[in-house]
């Protein structure tokens, strides 16, 4: 029985190759002979993958454990090049069953992923991965997605520790309905030391005040 690492899809193609050989016999006649060879070419597809970018890994550590598990499940269904995840009612139910959780728990996880700027809600039942963190497809296409994400960096102090907070603007990520996309205040990057739970709480309060001002 094959293990999970040997279950890649394999495609096969039958190829025929023919050649004609011409010789002249002792009577000066041209004689032609046709040779034909048939062989099969097999090609194994690359296993399912997602590119994970490591410029801001601190953000993943702020996710609840259950939300992190949901994220790993959702990324399995990331579409190639456009980096979208489609979640209609039927698919939501299936994802929740796969994770053995309630649909409301899945919705809560999606809201948390949006709040941290990891997923972008671009249309009804359609989400897009923040390609600054993970993506699937050709780098040329991923770069185009990245250019549509606005980035603003602010510095704040917590207990004499300076940290950076990023604001993402996703307005350009939703071409058909730009009003759905919105600015998301993100969480710390480039922290010199891991934040304590108390410091995280203070940071979250600060960010909630910033959102209300906007």
N, C-alpha and C. Protein backbone atom coordinates (compact mmCIF):
# COMPACT_ATOMS: atom_id res chain seq x y z
N UNK A 1 0.85 -1.20 0.00
CA UNK A 1 0.00 0.00 0.00
C UNK A 1 0.88 1.24 0.00
N UNK A 2 0.59 2.19 -0.89
CA UNK A 2 1.38 3.41 -0.95
C UNK A 2 1.10 4.32 0.23
N UNK A 3 2.15 5.02 0.69
CA UNK A 3 1.92 6.00 1.74
C UNK A 3 1.52 7.32 1.11
N UNK A 4 1.21 8.32 1.96
CA UNK A 4 0.68 9.59 1.45
C UNK A 4 1.66 10.33 0.55
N UNK A 5 2.96 10.02 0.68
CA UNK A 5 3.95 10.70 -0.14
C UNK A 5 4.10 10.06 -1.52
N UNK A 6 3.45 8.91 -1.72
CA UNK A 6 3.54 8.22 -3.00
C UNK A 6 2.22 8.27 -3.78
N UNK A 7 1.31 9.14 -3.33
CA UNK A 7 -0.01 9.18 -3.94
C UNK A 7 -0.16 10.33 -4.92
N UNK A 8 0.91 10.74 -5.56
CA UNK A 8 0.83 11.80 -6.56
C UNK A 8 0.15 11.28 -7.82
N UNK A 9 -0.56 12.17 -8.49
CA UNK A 9 -1.21 11.79 -9.74
C UNK A 9 -0.16 11.60 -10.84
N UNK A 10 -0.39 10.58 -11.65
CA UNK A 10 0.54 10.31 -12.75
C UNK A 10 -0.24 10.32 -14.07
N UNK A 11 0.27 11.06 -15.03
CA UNK A 11 -0.35 11.09 -16.35
C UNK A 11 0.54 10.33 -17.33
N UNK A 12 -0.07 9.65 -18.28
CA UNK A 12 0.71 8.90 -19.26
C UNK A 12 0.29 9.29 -20.67
N UNK A 13 1.22 9.19 -21.59
CA UNK A 13 0.98 9.56 -22.98
C UNK A 13 1.70 8.56 -23.89
N UNK A 14 0.97 8.03 -24.86
CA UNK A 14 1.57 7.09 -25.81
C UNK A 14 2.09 7.86 -27.03
N UNK A 15 3.34 7.64 -27.35
CA UNK A 15 3.98 8.36 -28.44
C UNK A 15 4.48 7.35 -29.48
N UNK A 16 4.22 7.66 -30.73
CA UNK A 16 4.71 6.81 -31.83
C UNK A 16 5.80 7.56 -32.60
N UNK A 17 6.85 6.84 -32.92
CA UNK A 17 7.96 7.44 -33.66
C UNK A 17 8.26 6.55 -34.86
N UNK A 18 8.28 7.16 -36.02
CA UNK A 18 8.52 6.35 -37.23
C UNK A 18 9.68 6.93 -38.03
N UNK A 19 10.33 6.06 -38.76
CA UNK A 19 11.44 6.50 -39.63
C UNK A 19 11.46 5.61 -40.87
N UNK A 20 12.00 6.15 -41.97
CA UNK A 20 12.07 5.41 -43.23
C UNK A 20 13.54 5.28 -43.64
N UNK A 21 13.92 4.07 -43.89
CA UNK A 21 15.30 3.81 -44.31
C UNK A 21 15.30 3.39 -45.79
N UNK A 22 16.14 4.03 -46.55
CA UNK A 22 16.20 3.74 -48.00
C UNK A 22 17.57 3.16 -48.35
N UNK A 23 17.54 2.06 -49.08
CA UNK A 23 18.80 1.43 -49.52
C UNK A 23 18.68 1.11 -51.02
N UNK A 24 19.80 0.92 -51.66
CA UNK A 24 19.83 0.54 -53.09
C UNK A 24 20.41 -0.86 -53.19
N UNK A 25 19.65 -1.76 -53.80
CA UNK A 25 20.13 -3.14 -53.89
C UNK A 25 21.11 -3.30 -55.06
N UNK A 26 21.56 -4.53 -55.28
CA UNK A 26 22.57 -4.80 -56.30
C UNK A 26 22.07 -4.54 -57.72
N UNK A 27 20.76 -4.52 -57.88
CA UNK A 27 20.19 -4.25 -59.22
C UNK A 27 19.96 -2.76 -59.44
N UNK A 28 20.35 -1.95 -58.44
CA UNK A 28 20.19 -0.50 -58.58
C UNK A 28 18.81 0.00 -58.23
N UNK A 29 18.02 -0.87 -57.61
CA UNK A 29 16.67 -0.45 -57.22
C UNK A 29 16.69 0.17 -55.82
N UNK A 30 15.85 1.21 -55.65
CA UNK A 30 15.70 1.83 -54.33
C UNK A 30 14.68 1.05 -53.53
N UNK A 31 15.08 0.64 -52.38
CA UNK A 31 14.17 -0.08 -51.48
C UNK A 31 14.00 0.72 -50.21
N UNK A 32 12.77 0.93 -49.83
CA UNK A 32 12.48 1.69 -48.61
C UNK A 32 11.87 0.77 -47.57
N UNK A 33 12.26 1.01 -46.36
CA UNK A 33 11.70 0.23 -45.25
C UNK A 33 11.29 1.20 -44.14
N UNK A 34 10.07 1.03 -43.66
CA UNK A 34 9.55 1.91 -42.61
C UNK A 34 9.67 1.23 -41.25
N UNK A 35 10.22 1.95 -40.30
CA UNK A 35 10.34 1.46 -38.93
C UNK A 35 9.44 2.30 -38.01
N UNK A 36 8.69 1.66 -37.17
CA UNK A 36 7.79 2.40 -36.26
C UNK A 36 7.98 1.87 -34.84
N UNK A 37 8.11 2.80 -33.91
CA UNK A 37 8.32 2.43 -32.53
C UNK A 37 7.31 3.16 -31.66
N UNK A 38 6.66 2.44 -30.80
CA UNK A 38 5.67 3.03 -29.89
C UNK A 38 6.15 2.88 -28.45
N UNK A 39 6.07 3.98 -27.70
CA UNK A 39 6.47 3.90 -26.29
C UNK A 39 5.59 4.84 -25.46
N UNK A 40 5.58 4.61 -24.18
CA UNK A 40 4.72 5.37 -23.27
C UNK A 40 5.58 6.29 -22.39
N UNK A 41 5.12 7.54 -22.26
CA UNK A 41 5.79 8.51 -21.40
C UNK A 41 4.90 8.75 -20.18
N UNK A 42 5.45 8.59 -19.01
CA UNK A 42 4.70 8.83 -17.78
C UNK A 42 5.29 10.03 -17.05
N UNK A 43 4.40 10.86 -16.54
CA UNK A 43 4.83 12.06 -15.85
C UNK A 43 4.06 12.21 -14.54
N UNK A 44 4.78 12.28 -13.44
CA UNK A 44 4.14 12.44 -12.13
C UNK A 44 3.94 13.93 -11.85
N UNK A 45 2.75 14.29 -11.40
CA UNK A 45 2.47 15.69 -11.09
C UNK A 45 3.09 16.06 -9.75
N UNK A 46 3.32 17.36 -9.58
CA UNK A 46 3.87 17.83 -8.31
C UNK A 46 2.80 17.70 -7.23
N UNK A 47 3.17 17.28 -6.02
CA UNK A 47 2.18 17.17 -4.93
C UNK A 47 1.56 18.52 -4.61
N UNK A 48 0.40 18.49 -3.97
CA UNK A 48 -0.27 19.73 -3.57
C UNK A 48 0.67 20.55 -2.68
N UNK A 49 0.67 21.86 -2.90
CA UNK A 49 1.59 22.71 -2.16
C UNK A 49 1.00 24.10 -1.97
N UNK A 50 1.54 24.82 -1.01
CA UNK A 50 1.26 26.24 -0.81
C UNK A 50 2.57 26.89 -0.43
N UNK A 51 2.87 28.03 -1.04
CA UNK A 51 4.08 28.76 -0.68
C UNK A 51 3.82 29.57 0.58
N UNK A 52 4.71 29.44 1.55
CA UNK A 52 4.60 30.19 2.80
C UNK A 52 5.77 31.16 2.88
N UNK A 53 5.45 32.46 2.99
CA UNK A 53 6.50 33.48 3.05
C UNK A 53 6.80 33.82 4.50
N UNK A 54 8.07 33.99 4.81
CA UNK A 54 8.53 34.01 6.20
C UNK A 54 8.93 35.39 6.71
N UNK A 55 8.45 36.46 6.06
CA UNK A 55 8.85 37.79 6.50
C UNK A 55 8.12 38.24 7.75
N UNK A 56 7.01 37.61 8.07
CA UNK A 56 6.22 38.01 9.25
C UNK A 56 5.59 36.78 9.90
N UNK A 57 6.40 35.89 10.42
CA UNK A 57 5.87 34.66 11.01
C UNK A 57 5.25 34.90 12.38
N UNK A 58 5.54 36.05 13.01
CA UNK A 58 4.98 36.33 14.34
C UNK A 58 3.45 36.32 14.31
N UNK A 59 2.88 36.72 13.20
CA UNK A 59 1.43 36.83 13.09
C UNK A 59 0.74 35.48 13.32
N UNK A 60 1.34 34.41 12.81
CA UNK A 60 0.71 33.10 12.96
C UNK A 60 0.67 32.67 14.42
N UNK A 61 1.65 33.12 15.19
CA UNK A 61 1.68 32.78 16.61
C UNK A 61 0.58 33.44 17.41
N UNK A 62 -0.06 34.47 16.85
CA UNK A 62 -1.15 35.16 17.55
C UNK A 62 -2.51 34.51 17.30
N UNK A 63 -2.57 33.58 16.37
CA UNK A 63 -3.84 32.91 16.08
C UNK A 63 -4.19 31.92 17.18
N UNK A 64 -5.48 31.76 17.42
CA UNK A 64 -5.92 30.70 18.32
C UNK A 64 -5.57 29.36 17.69
N UNK A 65 -5.35 28.36 18.52
CA UNK A 65 -4.93 27.06 17.99
C UNK A 65 -5.96 26.50 17.01
N UNK A 66 -7.24 26.64 17.36
CA UNK A 66 -8.29 26.13 16.48
C UNK A 66 -8.31 26.85 15.15
N UNK A 67 -8.05 28.16 15.17
CA UNK A 67 -8.04 28.94 13.94
C UNK A 67 -6.86 28.55 13.06
N UNK A 68 -5.73 28.26 13.69
CA UNK A 68 -4.55 27.84 12.95
C UNK A 68 -4.81 26.52 12.22
N UNK A 69 -5.54 25.62 12.90
CA UNK A 69 -5.90 24.33 12.27
C UNK A 69 -6.85 24.56 11.10
N UNK A 70 -7.80 25.49 11.28
CA UNK A 70 -8.72 25.82 10.19
C UNK A 70 -7.98 26.39 8.99
N UNK A 71 -7.00 27.26 9.26
CA UNK A 71 -6.23 27.86 8.18
C UNK A 71 -5.52 26.79 7.35
N UNK A 72 -4.91 25.83 8.01
CA UNK A 72 -4.22 24.75 7.30
C UNK A 72 -5.19 23.96 6.42
N UNK A 73 -6.41 23.75 6.91
CA UNK A 73 -7.41 23.03 6.14
C UNK A 73 -7.86 23.86 4.94
N UNK A 74 -8.10 25.15 5.15
CA UNK A 74 -8.58 26.01 4.07
C UNK A 74 -7.55 26.17 2.95
N UNK A 75 -6.27 26.20 3.33
CA UNK A 75 -5.22 26.40 2.33
C UNK A 75 -5.10 25.23 1.36
N UNK A 76 -5.66 24.09 1.73
CA UNK A 76 -5.65 22.93 0.82
C UNK A 76 -6.47 23.24 -0.44
N UNK A 77 -7.40 24.18 -0.33
CA UNK A 77 -8.33 24.46 -1.42
C UNK A 77 -8.04 25.80 -2.09
N UNK A 78 -6.83 26.30 -1.89
CA UNK A 78 -6.42 27.55 -2.52
C UNK A 78 -6.30 27.35 -4.03
N UNK A 79 -6.95 28.19 -4.81
CA UNK A 79 -6.92 28.04 -6.27
C UNK A 79 -5.60 28.56 -6.83
N UNK A 80 -5.23 27.99 -7.97
CA UNK A 80 -3.93 28.30 -8.59
C UNK A 80 -3.95 29.67 -9.24
N UNK A 81 -2.95 30.47 -8.93
CA UNK A 81 -2.71 31.81 -9.49
C UNK A 81 -3.64 32.91 -8.97
N UNK A 82 -4.95 32.66 -8.85
CA UNK A 82 -5.78 33.74 -8.31
C UNK A 82 -5.90 33.68 -6.79
N UNK A 83 -5.41 32.59 -6.18
CA UNK A 83 -5.29 32.47 -4.72
C UNK A 83 -6.61 32.71 -3.99
N UNK A 84 -7.66 32.13 -4.51
CA UNK A 84 -8.98 32.28 -3.90
C UNK A 84 -9.43 30.99 -3.22
N UNK A 85 -10.29 31.17 -2.23
CA UNK A 85 -10.92 30.05 -1.53
C UNK A 85 -12.42 30.27 -1.63
N UNK A 86 -13.11 29.31 -2.22
CA UNK A 86 -14.56 29.44 -2.42
C UNK A 86 -15.29 28.68 -1.32
N UNK A 87 -16.20 29.37 -0.64
CA UNK A 87 -16.87 28.77 0.51
C UNK A 87 -18.37 29.04 0.46
N UNK A 88 -19.09 28.33 -0.40
CA UNK A 88 -20.54 28.43 -0.35
C UNK A 88 -21.05 27.57 0.81
N UNK A 89 -22.35 27.52 0.99
CA UNK A 89 -22.92 26.83 2.16
C UNK A 89 -22.55 25.35 2.18
N UNK A 90 -22.56 24.71 1.01
CA UNK A 90 -22.23 23.28 0.95
C UNK A 90 -20.77 23.03 1.30
N UNK A 91 -19.87 23.86 0.77
CA UNK A 91 -18.44 23.69 1.04
C UNK A 91 -18.13 24.01 2.50
N UNK A 92 -18.79 25.03 3.06
CA UNK A 92 -18.60 25.35 4.48
C UNK A 92 -18.95 24.15 5.35
N UNK A 93 -20.07 23.52 5.02
CA UNK A 93 -20.50 22.37 5.80
C UNK A 93 -19.48 21.24 5.71
N UNK A 94 -18.95 21.01 4.50
CA UNK A 94 -17.95 19.95 4.31
C UNK A 94 -16.68 20.26 5.09
N UNK A 95 -16.22 21.52 5.05
CA UNK A 95 -15.00 21.89 5.76
C UNK A 95 -15.18 21.72 7.26
N UNK A 96 -16.35 22.11 7.75
CA UNK A 96 -16.62 21.98 9.18
C UNK A 96 -16.64 20.50 9.60
N UNK A 97 -17.22 19.66 8.74
CA UNK A 97 -17.26 18.23 9.04
C UNK A 97 -15.85 17.64 9.02
N UNK A 98 -15.03 18.08 8.07
CA UNK A 98 -13.65 17.58 8.01
C UNK A 98 -12.88 17.90 9.28
N UNK A 99 -13.18 19.08 9.85
CA UNK A 99 -12.47 19.52 11.06
C UNK A 99 -13.18 19.10 12.34
N UNK A 100 -14.36 18.48 12.17
CA UNK A 100 -15.16 18.05 13.33
C UNK A 100 -15.51 19.24 14.22
N UNK A 101 -15.95 20.32 13.60
CA UNK A 101 -16.36 21.52 14.34
C UNK A 101 -17.71 21.99 13.80
N UNK A 102 -18.33 22.92 14.53
CA UNK A 102 -19.59 23.51 14.07
C UNK A 102 -19.31 24.56 13.01
N UNK A 103 -20.31 24.81 12.17
CA UNK A 103 -20.14 25.82 11.12
C UNK A 103 -19.91 27.21 11.72
N UNK A 104 -20.53 27.48 12.87
CA UNK A 104 -20.33 28.77 13.53
C UNK A 104 -18.88 28.93 13.98
N UNK A 105 -18.27 27.82 14.43
CA UNK A 105 -16.86 27.86 14.82
C UNK A 105 -15.99 28.18 13.62
N UNK A 106 -16.35 27.61 12.46
CA UNK A 106 -15.63 27.91 11.23
C UNK A 106 -15.77 29.38 10.87
N UNK A 107 -16.98 29.92 11.01
CA UNK A 107 -17.21 31.34 10.72
C UNK A 107 -16.40 32.23 11.65
N UNK A 108 -16.32 31.84 12.92
CA UNK A 108 -15.52 32.61 13.88
C UNK A 108 -14.05 32.61 13.48
N UNK A 109 -13.58 31.45 13.02
CA UNK A 109 -12.19 31.35 12.57
C UNK A 109 -11.92 32.22 11.36
N UNK A 110 -12.88 32.25 10.42
CA UNK A 110 -12.74 33.09 9.24
C UNK A 110 -12.67 34.57 9.63
N UNK A 111 -13.49 34.96 10.59
CA UNK A 111 -13.47 36.35 11.06
C UNK A 111 -12.13 36.71 11.69
N UNK A 112 -11.56 35.75 12.43
CA UNK A 112 -10.25 36.00 13.05
C UNK A 112 -9.17 36.14 11.97
N UNK A 113 -9.23 35.29 10.97
CA UNK A 113 -8.24 35.35 9.88
C UNK A 113 -8.37 36.66 9.10
N UNK A 114 -9.60 37.15 8.94
CA UNK A 114 -9.80 38.46 8.30
C UNK A 114 -9.27 39.58 9.19
N UNK A 115 -9.51 39.46 10.48
CA UNK A 115 -9.08 40.50 11.42
C UNK A 115 -7.55 40.64 11.43
N UNK A 116 -6.87 39.54 11.30
CA UNK A 116 -5.41 39.57 11.28
C UNK A 116 -4.86 39.84 9.88
N UNK A 117 -5.75 39.99 8.91
CA UNK A 117 -5.30 40.33 7.56
C UNK A 117 -4.72 39.16 6.79
N UNK A 118 -5.00 37.93 7.19
CA UNK A 118 -4.47 36.76 6.49
C UNK A 118 -5.38 36.31 5.35
N UNK A 119 -6.68 36.54 5.51
CA UNK A 119 -7.64 36.28 4.45
C UNK A 119 -8.38 37.57 4.12
N UNK A 120 -8.73 37.73 2.85
CA UNK A 120 -9.44 38.92 2.39
C UNK A 120 -10.80 38.49 1.86
N UNK A 121 -11.87 39.09 2.36
CA UNK A 121 -13.21 38.77 1.88
C UNK A 121 -13.49 39.64 0.66
N UNK A 122 -13.45 39.06 -0.54
CA UNK A 122 -13.55 39.87 -1.75
C UNK A 122 -14.92 39.81 -2.40
N UNK A 123 -15.73 38.84 -2.02
CA UNK A 123 -17.08 38.74 -2.57
C UNK A 123 -17.85 37.74 -1.72
N UNK A 124 -19.15 37.62 -1.99
CA UNK A 124 -19.95 36.68 -1.23
C UNK A 124 -19.41 35.27 -1.41
N UNK A 125 -19.08 34.63 -0.29
CA UNK A 125 -18.57 33.25 -0.27
C UNK A 125 -17.20 33.10 -0.94
N UNK A 126 -16.51 34.21 -1.18
CA UNK A 126 -15.20 34.14 -1.84
C UNK A 126 -14.17 34.89 -0.99
N UNK A 127 -13.08 34.19 -0.67
CA UNK A 127 -11.99 34.78 0.09
C UNK A 127 -10.71 34.68 -0.74
N UNK A 128 -9.79 35.58 -0.47
CA UNK A 128 -8.49 35.50 -1.14
C UNK A 128 -7.40 35.51 -0.08
N UNK A 129 -6.38 34.71 -0.31
CA UNK A 129 -5.25 34.69 0.62
C UNK A 129 -4.47 35.98 0.51
N UNK A 130 -3.97 36.45 1.63
CA UNK A 130 -3.04 37.59 1.61
C UNK A 130 -1.72 37.05 1.08
N UNK A 131 -1.38 37.41 -0.16
CA UNK A 131 -0.22 36.83 -0.82
C UNK A 131 1.11 37.33 -0.26
N UNK A 132 1.07 38.20 0.74
CA UNK A 132 2.29 38.55 1.46
C UNK A 132 2.68 37.44 2.42
N UNK A 133 1.74 36.52 2.68
CA UNK A 133 1.97 35.44 3.64
C UNK A 133 1.99 34.06 2.99
N UNK A 134 1.06 33.80 2.10
CA UNK A 134 1.06 32.51 1.42
C UNK A 134 0.35 32.64 0.08
N UNK A 135 0.72 31.77 -0.83
CA UNK A 135 0.16 31.83 -2.18
C UNK A 135 0.40 30.51 -2.89
N UNK A 136 -0.26 30.38 -4.03
CA UNK A 136 -0.10 29.18 -4.85
C UNK A 136 -0.13 29.60 -6.31
N UNK A 137 0.94 29.32 -7.03
CA UNK A 137 0.96 29.69 -8.43
C UNK A 137 2.30 30.23 -8.88
N UNK A 138 2.29 30.87 -10.03
CA UNK A 138 3.51 31.42 -10.61
C UNK A 138 3.88 32.72 -9.90
N UNK A 139 5.18 32.93 -9.69
CA UNK A 139 5.65 34.11 -8.97
C UNK A 139 5.24 35.39 -9.69
N UNK A 140 5.22 35.39 -11.02
CA UNK A 140 4.84 36.59 -11.77
C UNK A 140 3.39 37.00 -11.44
N UNK A 141 2.50 36.01 -11.27
CA UNK A 141 1.10 36.29 -10.93
C UNK A 141 0.99 36.72 -9.46
N UNK A 142 1.76 36.07 -8.60
CA UNK A 142 1.71 36.41 -7.18
C UNK A 142 2.17 37.85 -6.95
N UNK A 143 3.20 38.27 -7.68
CA UNK A 143 3.69 39.65 -7.56
C UNK A 143 2.60 40.66 -7.91
N UNK A 144 1.79 40.33 -8.92
CA UNK A 144 0.71 41.24 -9.30
C UNK A 144 -0.31 41.36 -8.17
N UNK A 145 -0.61 40.24 -7.53
CA UNK A 145 -1.52 40.28 -6.38
C UNK A 145 -0.95 41.17 -5.27
N UNK A 146 0.34 41.00 -5.01
CA UNK A 146 0.98 41.74 -3.93
C UNK A 146 0.94 43.24 -4.16
N UNK A 147 1.05 43.65 -5.42
CA UNK A 147 1.04 45.08 -5.74
C UNK A 147 -0.30 45.72 -5.43
N UNK A 148 -1.36 44.92 -5.34
CA UNK A 148 -2.69 45.45 -5.04
C UNK A 148 -2.93 45.64 -3.54
N UNK A 149 -1.98 45.23 -2.72
CA UNK A 149 -2.15 45.36 -1.27
C UNK A 149 -1.39 46.59 -0.78
N UNK A 150 -2.14 47.54 -0.24
CA UNK A 150 -1.51 48.74 0.32
C UNK A 150 -0.95 48.45 1.70
N UNK A 151 0.23 48.98 2.00
CA UNK A 151 0.90 48.72 3.28
C UNK A 151 1.29 50.05 3.93
N UNK A 152 0.89 50.23 5.18
CA UNK A 152 1.29 51.40 5.97
C UNK A 152 1.83 50.91 7.31
N UNK A 153 3.01 51.35 7.68
CA UNK A 153 3.64 50.89 8.92
C UNK A 153 3.60 52.00 9.97
N UNK A 154 3.16 51.64 11.18
CA UNK A 154 3.16 52.57 12.31
C UNK A 154 3.99 51.97 13.43
N UNK A 155 4.68 52.81 14.19
CA UNK A 155 5.47 52.34 15.32
C UNK A 155 4.80 52.78 16.62
N UNK A 156 4.71 51.85 17.56
CA UNK A 156 4.14 52.16 18.87
C UNK A 156 5.07 51.61 19.95
N UNK A 157 4.88 52.08 21.18
CA UNK A 157 5.68 51.62 22.31
C UNK A 157 4.80 50.93 23.32
N UNK A 158 5.26 49.79 23.77
CA UNK A 158 4.62 49.07 24.86
C UNK A 158 5.70 48.71 25.86
N UNK A 159 5.62 49.29 27.06
CA UNK A 159 6.64 49.04 28.10
C UNK A 159 8.05 49.31 27.56
N UNK A 160 8.25 50.48 26.99
CA UNK A 160 9.55 50.89 26.45
C UNK A 160 10.04 49.99 25.32
N UNK A 161 9.18 49.16 24.81
CA UNK A 161 9.54 48.29 23.68
C UNK A 161 8.86 48.83 22.42
N UNK A 162 9.63 49.13 21.42
CA UNK A 162 9.08 49.64 20.18
C UNK A 162 8.74 48.49 19.25
N UNK A 163 7.53 48.50 18.76
CA UNK A 163 7.12 47.47 17.81
C UNK A 163 6.41 48.15 16.64
N UNK A 164 6.28 47.44 15.56
CA UNK A 164 5.66 47.99 14.36
C UNK A 164 4.30 47.36 14.14
N UNK A 165 3.35 48.19 13.74
CA UNK A 165 2.01 47.71 13.41
C UNK A 165 1.74 48.06 11.95
N UNK A 166 1.25 47.08 11.22
CA UNK A 166 1.00 47.27 9.79
C UNK A 166 -0.49 47.44 9.53
N UNK A 167 -0.83 48.43 8.71
CA UNK A 167 -2.18 48.57 8.17
C UNK A 167 -2.17 48.07 6.74
N UNK A 168 -3.05 47.11 6.45
CA UNK A 168 -3.22 46.64 5.08
C UNK A 168 -4.45 47.30 4.47
N UNK A 169 -4.34 47.73 3.25
CA UNK A 169 -5.49 48.23 2.52
C UNK A 169 -5.75 47.29 1.34
N UNK A 170 -6.95 46.67 1.36
CA UNK A 170 -7.28 45.66 0.36
C UNK A 170 -8.26 46.16 -0.69
N UNK A 171 -8.43 47.48 -0.81
CA UNK A 171 -9.42 48.01 -1.75
C UNK A 171 -9.20 47.53 -3.17
N UNK A 172 -7.96 47.43 -3.60
CA UNK A 172 -7.66 47.05 -4.98
C UNK A 172 -7.73 45.54 -5.21
N UNK A 173 -7.94 44.78 -4.14
CA UNK A 173 -7.98 43.32 -4.27
C UNK A 173 -9.34 42.84 -4.75
N UNK A 174 -10.34 43.69 -4.70
CA UNK A 174 -11.67 43.32 -5.15
C UNK A 174 -12.05 44.22 -6.30
N UNK A 175 -11.77 43.79 -7.52
CA UNK A 175 -11.98 44.64 -8.70
C UNK A 175 -13.46 44.81 -9.01
N UNK A 176 -14.24 43.74 -8.87
CA UNK A 176 -15.65 43.82 -9.24
C UNK A 176 -16.46 44.59 -8.21
N UNK A 177 -16.16 44.40 -6.93
CA UNK A 177 -16.91 45.07 -5.88
C UNK A 177 -15.94 45.66 -4.87
N UNK A 178 -15.30 46.79 -5.19
CA UNK A 178 -14.28 47.34 -4.31
C UNK A 178 -14.80 47.75 -2.95
N UNK A 179 -16.11 47.98 -2.83
CA UNK A 179 -16.65 48.41 -1.54
C UNK A 179 -16.58 47.30 -0.50
N UNK A 180 -16.48 46.03 -0.94
CA UNK A 180 -16.42 44.91 0.00
C UNK A 180 -15.07 44.90 0.72
N UNK A 181 -14.00 45.16 -0.02
CA UNK A 181 -12.68 45.17 0.59
C UNK A 181 -12.55 46.39 1.49
N UNK A 182 -11.71 46.29 2.53
CA UNK A 182 -11.59 47.40 3.45
C UNK A 182 -10.20 47.41 4.06
N UNK A 183 -9.90 48.50 4.73
CA UNK A 183 -8.62 48.60 5.42
C UNK A 183 -8.65 47.74 6.67
N UNK A 184 -7.59 47.00 6.88
CA UNK A 184 -7.48 46.14 8.06
C UNK A 184 -6.25 46.55 8.85
N UNK A 185 -6.45 46.85 10.11
CA UNK A 185 -5.31 47.12 10.97
C UNK A 185 -4.71 45.80 11.39
N UNK A 186 -3.44 45.62 11.09
CA UNK A 186 -2.81 44.35 11.35
C UNK A 186 -2.06 44.37 12.67
N UNK A 187 -1.41 43.26 12.98
CA UNK A 187 -0.77 43.09 14.27
C UNK A 187 0.75 43.11 14.15
N UNK A 188 1.49 43.05 15.26
CA UNK A 188 2.90 43.41 15.25
C UNK A 188 3.79 42.56 14.35
N UNK A 189 4.78 43.24 13.79
CA UNK A 189 5.84 42.54 13.05
C UNK A 189 7.17 43.04 13.57
N UNK A 190 8.21 42.28 13.34
CA UNK A 190 9.55 42.66 13.73
C UNK A 190 9.64 42.98 15.23
N UNK A 191 9.03 42.15 16.03
CA UNK A 191 9.10 42.34 17.48
C UNK A 191 10.45 41.80 17.96
N UNK A 192 11.16 42.60 18.76
CA UNK A 192 12.49 42.16 19.19
C UNK A 192 12.40 40.97 20.13
N UNK A 193 11.34 40.94 20.97
CA UNK A 193 11.11 39.81 21.86
C UNK A 193 9.64 39.42 21.77
N UNK A 194 9.30 38.16 21.99
CA UNK A 194 7.89 37.76 21.94
C UNK A 194 7.07 38.54 22.96
N UNK A 195 5.87 38.96 22.57
CA UNK A 195 5.01 39.70 23.48
C UNK A 195 4.37 38.76 24.49
N UNK A 196 4.23 39.25 25.71
CA UNK A 196 3.52 38.48 26.73
C UNK A 196 2.03 38.61 26.46
N UNK A 197 1.22 37.78 27.14
CA UNK A 197 -0.22 37.86 26.97
C UNK A 197 -0.74 39.23 27.37
N UNK A 198 -0.18 39.81 28.44
CA UNK A 198 -0.60 41.14 28.89
C UNK A 198 -0.29 42.20 27.84
N UNK A 199 0.88 42.08 27.22
CA UNK A 199 1.28 43.04 26.19
C UNK A 199 0.42 42.89 24.94
N UNK A 200 0.06 41.64 24.61
CA UNK A 200 -0.82 41.41 23.47
C UNK A 200 -2.18 42.07 23.70
N UNK A 201 -2.69 41.94 24.93
CA UNK A 201 -3.98 42.55 25.26
C UNK A 201 -3.93 44.06 25.11
N UNK A 202 -2.84 44.67 25.59
CA UNK A 202 -2.68 46.12 25.47
C UNK A 202 -2.61 46.54 24.01
N UNK A 203 -1.91 45.75 23.21
CA UNK A 203 -1.78 46.06 21.80
C UNK A 203 -3.14 45.98 21.11
N UNK A 204 -3.92 44.96 21.45
CA UNK A 204 -5.24 44.80 20.84
C UNK A 204 -6.16 45.96 21.21
N UNK A 205 -6.07 46.45 22.46
CA UNK A 205 -6.87 47.60 22.87
C UNK A 205 -6.47 48.83 22.08
N UNK A 206 -5.15 49.00 21.89
CA UNK A 206 -4.66 50.14 21.12
C UNK A 206 -5.21 50.10 19.70
N UNK A 207 -5.17 48.92 19.09
CA UNK A 207 -5.63 48.79 17.71
C UNK A 207 -7.13 49.00 17.59
N UNK A 208 -7.89 48.57 18.59
CA UNK A 208 -9.34 48.78 18.53
C UNK A 208 -9.67 50.26 18.60
N UNK A 209 -8.91 51.03 19.36
CA UNK A 209 -9.11 52.48 19.42
C UNK A 209 -8.77 53.11 18.07
N UNK A 210 -7.71 52.60 17.44
CA UNK A 210 -7.31 53.13 16.13
C UNK A 210 -8.39 52.88 15.11
N UNK A 211 -9.02 51.70 15.16
CA UNK A 211 -10.07 51.38 14.21
C UNK A 211 -11.27 52.29 14.39
N UNK A 212 -11.64 52.59 15.65
CA UNK A 212 -12.77 53.46 15.90
C UNK A 212 -12.53 54.86 15.39
N UNK A 213 -11.27 55.34 15.50
CA UNK A 213 -10.94 56.68 15.00
C UNK A 213 -11.10 56.75 13.50
N UNK A 214 -10.80 55.64 12.81
CA UNK A 214 -10.92 55.61 11.36
C UNK A 214 -12.38 55.62 10.97
